Amino acid sequence: KMKKIGIALSILTVLLYACKDEDVITQNDLASTQATQDHLFAEQVFNDVGRIVEEGFVSTGVSKSCASYSLMDADTSNADTLIIDFGNTNCLHNSKLRKGKILITYTGKYRDSLAVITTTFDNYYVNNNLVQGEIVVTNKGRNISGNMWFTITVNNASINTYNGTINWESDRIREWVNGQSTYLDISDDRYKITGTSNGNGVNGNTFTMTITNPLNVDLGCLPSCVIKSGTA
């Protein structure tokens, strides 16, 4: 009975936590297991990286105090590199303290069929947590419904926190069901997400996560309930 209660609490925490943008999550939402907390924290960090990378493509070549953007080897015939540099000391960007670099190599734009976008990190910290690993986003073209879809793989990721290290890997499929024609406006973007993730929490315990019913993501709801339905 206690095991069933623990599982129920973990699922409930996933639903409560995932339904919010990370900036409005409270500690009261984290009243379940350590594994659930660590998995959801990893979700936060790497979802945030995804938004920073998308922002970087829009802001390419524009220098700001935090961050600066550098495009290297801008050759349409091969892979190019975008560097998002937050500097060597903490600066505030999108309501979080950041320093270090995010490195992106890409063979095409996010919307380009078969484009591969690979993100790695160089001494990158967010809110004083060291983030490492690799994110590979591949545009798979259009499915039978006519929607763009993507595979998103997070490899050998880790987050060094004050409480210990979270190790995390993830495999997702993202279907872009609405908003494809308005790339610069995310308010009408809708996605369906499926997939799994696994890792080790700060206490050394392993965990896995499986999306059993697709998560329906509505970016027009930021910063409140982004995930409108689905089960993990």
Protein backbone atom coordinates (compact mmCIF):
# COMPACT_ATOMS: atom_id res chain seq x y z
CA LYS A 1 0.00 0.00 0.00
CA MET A 2 2.80 2.44 0.90
CA LYS A 3 4.53 1.69 -2.41
CA LYS A 4 1.32 2.53 -4.30
CA ILE A 5 0.97 5.77 -2.33
CA GLY A 6 4.57 6.68 -3.18
CA ILE A 7 3.99 6.06 -6.89
CA ALA A 8 0.80 8.11 -6.79
CA LEU A 9 2.62 11.00 -5.10
CA SER A 10 5.37 10.86 -7.72
CA ILE A 11 2.88 11.00 -10.60
CA LEU A 12 0.94 13.80 -8.90
CA THR A 13 4.13 15.81 -8.42
CA VAL A 14 5.06 15.34 -12.08
CA LEU A 15 1.67 16.69 -13.16
CA LEU A 16 1.70 19.63 -10.75
CA TYR A 17 5.31 20.51 -11.49
CA ALA A 18 5.22 20.08 -15.26
CA CYS A 19 2.09 22.22 -15.50
CA LYS A 20 4.07 25.27 -14.46
CA ASP A 21 6.89 27.29 -15.90
CA GLU A 22 9.98 26.83 -13.75
CA ASP A 23 9.86 30.44 -12.56
CA VAL A 24 6.57 29.93 -10.69
CA ILE A 25 7.24 26.55 -9.06
CA THR A 26 7.26 26.55 -5.27
CA GLN A 27 8.90 24.17 -2.86
CA ASN A 28 5.45 22.99 -1.80
CA ASP A 29 5.16 21.38 -5.24
CA LEU A 30 8.16 19.19 -4.42
CA ALA A 31 6.69 17.20 -1.56
CA SER A 32 7.29 13.82 -3.18
CA THR A 33 10.35 11.63 -3.69
CA GLN A 34 13.92 12.79 -4.25
CA ALA A 35 13.97 11.00 -7.60
CA THR A 36 10.91 12.91 -8.78
CA GLN A 37 12.45 16.20 -7.70
CA ASP A 38 15.74 15.48 -9.44
CA HIS A 39 14.10 14.34 -12.68
CA LEU A 40 11.89 17.41 -12.83
CA PHE A 41 14.80 19.72 -12.04
CA ALA A 42 16.69 18.20 -14.98
CA GLU A 43 13.61 18.74 -17.15
CA GLN A 44 13.59 22.41 -16.10
CA VAL A 45 17.26 22.95 -16.88
CA PHE A 46 17.27 21.38 -20.32
CA ASN A 47 13.92 22.86 -21.39
CA ASP A 48 15.40 26.21 -20.42
CA VAL A 49 18.48 25.51 -22.58
CA GLY A 50 16.18 24.79 -25.52
CA ARG A 51 14.54 28.18 -25.17
CA ILE A 52 17.94 29.91 -24.88
CA VAL A 53 19.12 28.20 -28.07
CA GLU A 54 15.98 29.22 -29.99
CA GLU A 55 16.44 32.77 -28.71
CA GLY A 56 20.06 32.63 -29.84
CA PHE A 57 19.14 31.82 -33.44
CA VAL A 58 16.80 34.81 -33.51
CA SER A 59 19.43 37.11 -31.94
CA THR A 60 22.45 35.91 -33.95
CA GLY A 61 25.03 38.65 -34.42
CA VAL A 62 23.51 40.99 -31.84
CA SER A 63 25.88 41.87 -29.00
CA LYS A 64 24.38 42.41 -25.58
CA SER A 65 25.91 42.72 -22.14
CA CYS A 66 24.38 39.31 -21.38
CA ALA A 67 24.50 37.29 -23.54
CA SER A 68 26.69 37.84 -26.61
CA TYR A 69 26.16 35.82 -29.79
CA SER A 70 28.85 34.77 -32.25
CA LEU A 71 28.23 32.97 -35.53
CA MET A 72 31.23 31.09 -36.93
CA ASP A 73 31.83 29.54 -40.36
CA ALA A 74 28.54 30.78 -41.82
CA ASP A 75 28.63 28.43 -44.81
CA THR A 76 25.32 27.01 -46.03
CA SER A 77 27.06 23.96 -47.49
CA ASN A 78 28.15 22.49 -44.14
CA ALA A 79 27.64 22.65 -40.40
CA ASP A 80 27.99 26.03 -38.71
CA THR A 81 28.52 27.06 -35.10
CA LEU A 82 26.68 29.51 -32.87
CA ILE A 83 28.24 30.47 -29.53
CA ILE A 84 26.09 32.00 -26.81
CA ASP A 85 28.47 33.53 -24.27
CA PHE A 86 27.28 34.71 -20.85
CA GLY A 87 30.78 35.68 -19.72
CA ASN A 88 32.90 34.51 -16.80
CA THR A 89 30.84 36.04 -14.01
CA ASN A 90 27.15 35.65 -13.25
CA CYS A 91 24.76 37.81 -15.23
CA LEU A 92 20.98 37.88 -15.14
CA HIS A 93 19.31 36.56 -18.30
CA ASN A 94 15.67 35.49 -18.49
CA SER A 95 15.38 35.77 -14.70
CA LYS A 96 18.27 33.36 -14.03
CA LEU A 97 21.92 33.86 -13.15
CA ARG A 98 24.15 32.47 -15.91
CA LYS A 99 27.80 32.27 -16.89
CA GLY A 100 29.86 30.26 -19.36
CA LYS A 101 29.06 29.29 -22.93
CA ILE A 102 26.43 27.30 -24.83
CA LEU A 103 27.83 25.91 -28.09
CA ILE A 104 25.50 25.00 -30.96
CA THR A 105 26.47 23.30 -34.22
CA TYR A 106 23.77 23.02 -36.85
CA THR A 107 23.31 21.80 -40.42
CA GLY A 108 20.17 23.84 -41.00
CA LYS A 109 17.47 25.89 -39.32
CA TYR A 110 15.02 24.39 -36.84
CA ARG A 111 12.32 24.30 -39.54
CA ASP A 112 14.56 22.73 -42.22
CA SER A 113 13.85 19.07 -42.98
CA LEU A 114 16.70 16.78 -41.79
CA ALA A 115 18.47 19.64 -39.98
CA VAL A 116 20.52 18.49 -36.98
CA ILE A 117 21.14 20.93 -34.12
CA THR A 118 23.65 19.80 -31.47
CA THR A 119 24.12 21.73 -28.24
CA THR A 120 27.04 21.32 -25.81
CA PHE A 121 28.39 23.40 -22.95
CA ASP A 122 31.62 25.11 -21.94
CA ASN A 123 31.73 25.78 -18.20
CA TYR A 124 28.05 26.75 -18.31
CA TYR A 125 26.27 27.52 -15.03
CA VAL A 126 22.64 28.41 -14.39
CA ASN A 127 21.80 29.66 -10.90
CA ASN A 128 25.27 28.36 -9.86
CA ASN A 129 24.53 24.80 -11.05
CA LEU A 130 27.08 23.40 -13.51
CA VAL A 131 25.35 21.94 -16.60
CA GLN A 132 27.08 19.40 -18.86
CA GLY A 133 26.06 17.01 -21.63
CA GLU A 134 24.80 17.05 -25.20
CA ILE A 135 21.39 17.79 -26.75
CA VAL A 136 20.70 16.63 -30.31
CA VAL A 137 17.56 17.91 -32.08
CA THR A 138 16.81 16.37 -35.50
CA ASN A 139 14.09 17.67 -37.79
CA LYS A 140 12.51 14.53 -39.30
CA GLY A 141 10.39 16.38 -41.86
CA ARG A 142 6.61 16.00 -41.92
CA ASN A 143 4.55 13.07 -40.71
CA ILE A 144 1.39 11.64 -42.28
CA SER A 145 -0.61 14.40 -40.58
CA GLY A 146 1.48 17.04 -42.34
CA ASN A 147 3.12 18.20 -39.10
CA MET A 148 6.83 18.72 -38.56
CA TRP A 149 8.28 16.33 -36.02
CA PHE A 150 11.59 16.12 -34.23
CA THR A 151 13.65 13.68 -32.19
CA ILE A 152 15.29 15.23 -29.13
CA THR A 153 18.03 13.26 -27.40
CA VAL A 154 19.91 14.34 -24.29
CA ASN A 155 23.14 12.37 -23.84
CA ASN A 156 25.43 12.02 -20.81
CA ALA A 157 23.92 15.04 -19.08
CA SER A 158 24.72 16.07 -15.55
CA ILE A 159 23.81 18.93 -13.24
CA ASN A 160 26.12 19.65 -10.32
CA THR A 161 24.05 21.16 -7.51
CA TYR A 162 24.83 22.11 -3.92
CA ASN A 163 23.14 18.88 -2.83
CA GLY A 164 24.96 16.58 -5.24
CA THR A 165 25.00 15.58 -8.90
CA ILE A 166 22.01 14.62 -11.06
CA ASN A 167 22.82 12.42 -14.06
CA TRP A 168 20.16 12.45 -16.77
CA GLU A 169 19.41 11.16 -20.27
CA SER A 170 16.29 11.60 -22.36
CA ASP A 171 14.73 10.52 -25.66
CA ARG A 172 11.69 12.44 -26.90
CA ILE A 173 9.59 12.88 -30.00
CA ARG A 174 8.13 16.37 -30.48
CA GLU A 175 5.31 16.90 -32.99
CA TRP A 176 4.65 20.52 -33.95
CA VAL A 177 0.87 20.55 -34.32
CA ASN A 178 0.23 24.32 -34.56
CA GLY A 179 2.14 27.56 -35.14
CA GLN A 180 4.58 26.34 -37.80
CA SER A 181 3.84 29.32 -40.07
CA THR A 182 4.63 31.95 -37.39
CA TYR A 183 8.15 30.97 -36.37
CA LEU A 184 8.98 34.20 -34.50
CA ASP A 185 5.74 34.14 -32.51
CA ILE A 186 5.57 31.23 -30.04
CA SER A 187 2.20 32.22 -28.60
CA ASP A 188 0.35 29.97 -31.05
CA ASP A 189 2.81 27.07 -30.83
CA ARG A 190 1.34 23.71 -29.82
CA TYR A 191 3.29 20.46 -29.48
CA LYS A 192 2.67 16.82 -28.64
CA ILE A 193 5.50 15.19 -26.69
CA THR A 194 6.20 11.48 -26.14
CA GLY A 195 9.24 9.62 -24.88
CA THR A 196 11.26 8.54 -21.86
CA SER A 197 14.09 9.65 -19.60
CA ASN A 198 16.26 8.12 -16.89
CA GLY A 199 19.01 9.05 -14.51
CA ASN A 200 20.51 9.08 -11.02
CA GLY A 201 19.42 11.46 -8.30
CA VAL A 202 21.58 13.39 -5.85
CA ASN A 203 21.17 10.51 -3.38
CA GLY A 204 22.52 8.00 -5.92
CA ASN A 205 19.16 6.33 -6.56
CA THR A 206 18.16 5.59 -10.16
CA PHE A 207 14.89 6.70 -11.72
CA THR A 208 13.00 6.42 -15.02
CA MET A 209 10.17 8.43 -16.54
CA THR A 210 7.78 7.37 -19.31
CA ILE A 211 5.13 9.52 -21.01
CA THR A 212 2.16 7.15 -21.19
CA ASN A 213 -0.26 9.63 -22.80
CA PRO A 214 1.19 12.38 -25.05
CA LEU A 215 1.84 15.69 -23.31
CA ASN A 216 -0.03 18.51 -25.03
CA VAL A 217 2.14 21.60 -24.73
CA ASP A 218 0.69 25.08 -25.27
CA LEU A 219 3.39 27.76 -25.31
CA GLY A 220 0.70 30.42 -25.43
CA CYS A 221 0.10 29.69 -21.74
CA LEU A 222 3.53 30.86 -20.57
CA PRO A 223 4.34 31.44 -17.79
CA SER A 224 1.52 29.41 -16.23
CA CYS A 225 0.13 26.00 -17.25
CA VAL A 226 2.18 25.04 -20.33
CA ILE A 227 1.24 21.34 -20.31
CA LYS A 228 -2.50 21.21 -20.83
CA SER A 229 -2.97 17.43 -20.67
CA GLY A 230 -1.14 14.11 -20.75
CA THR A 231 0.41 11.68 -18.29
CA ALA A 232 3.99 10.95 -17.26
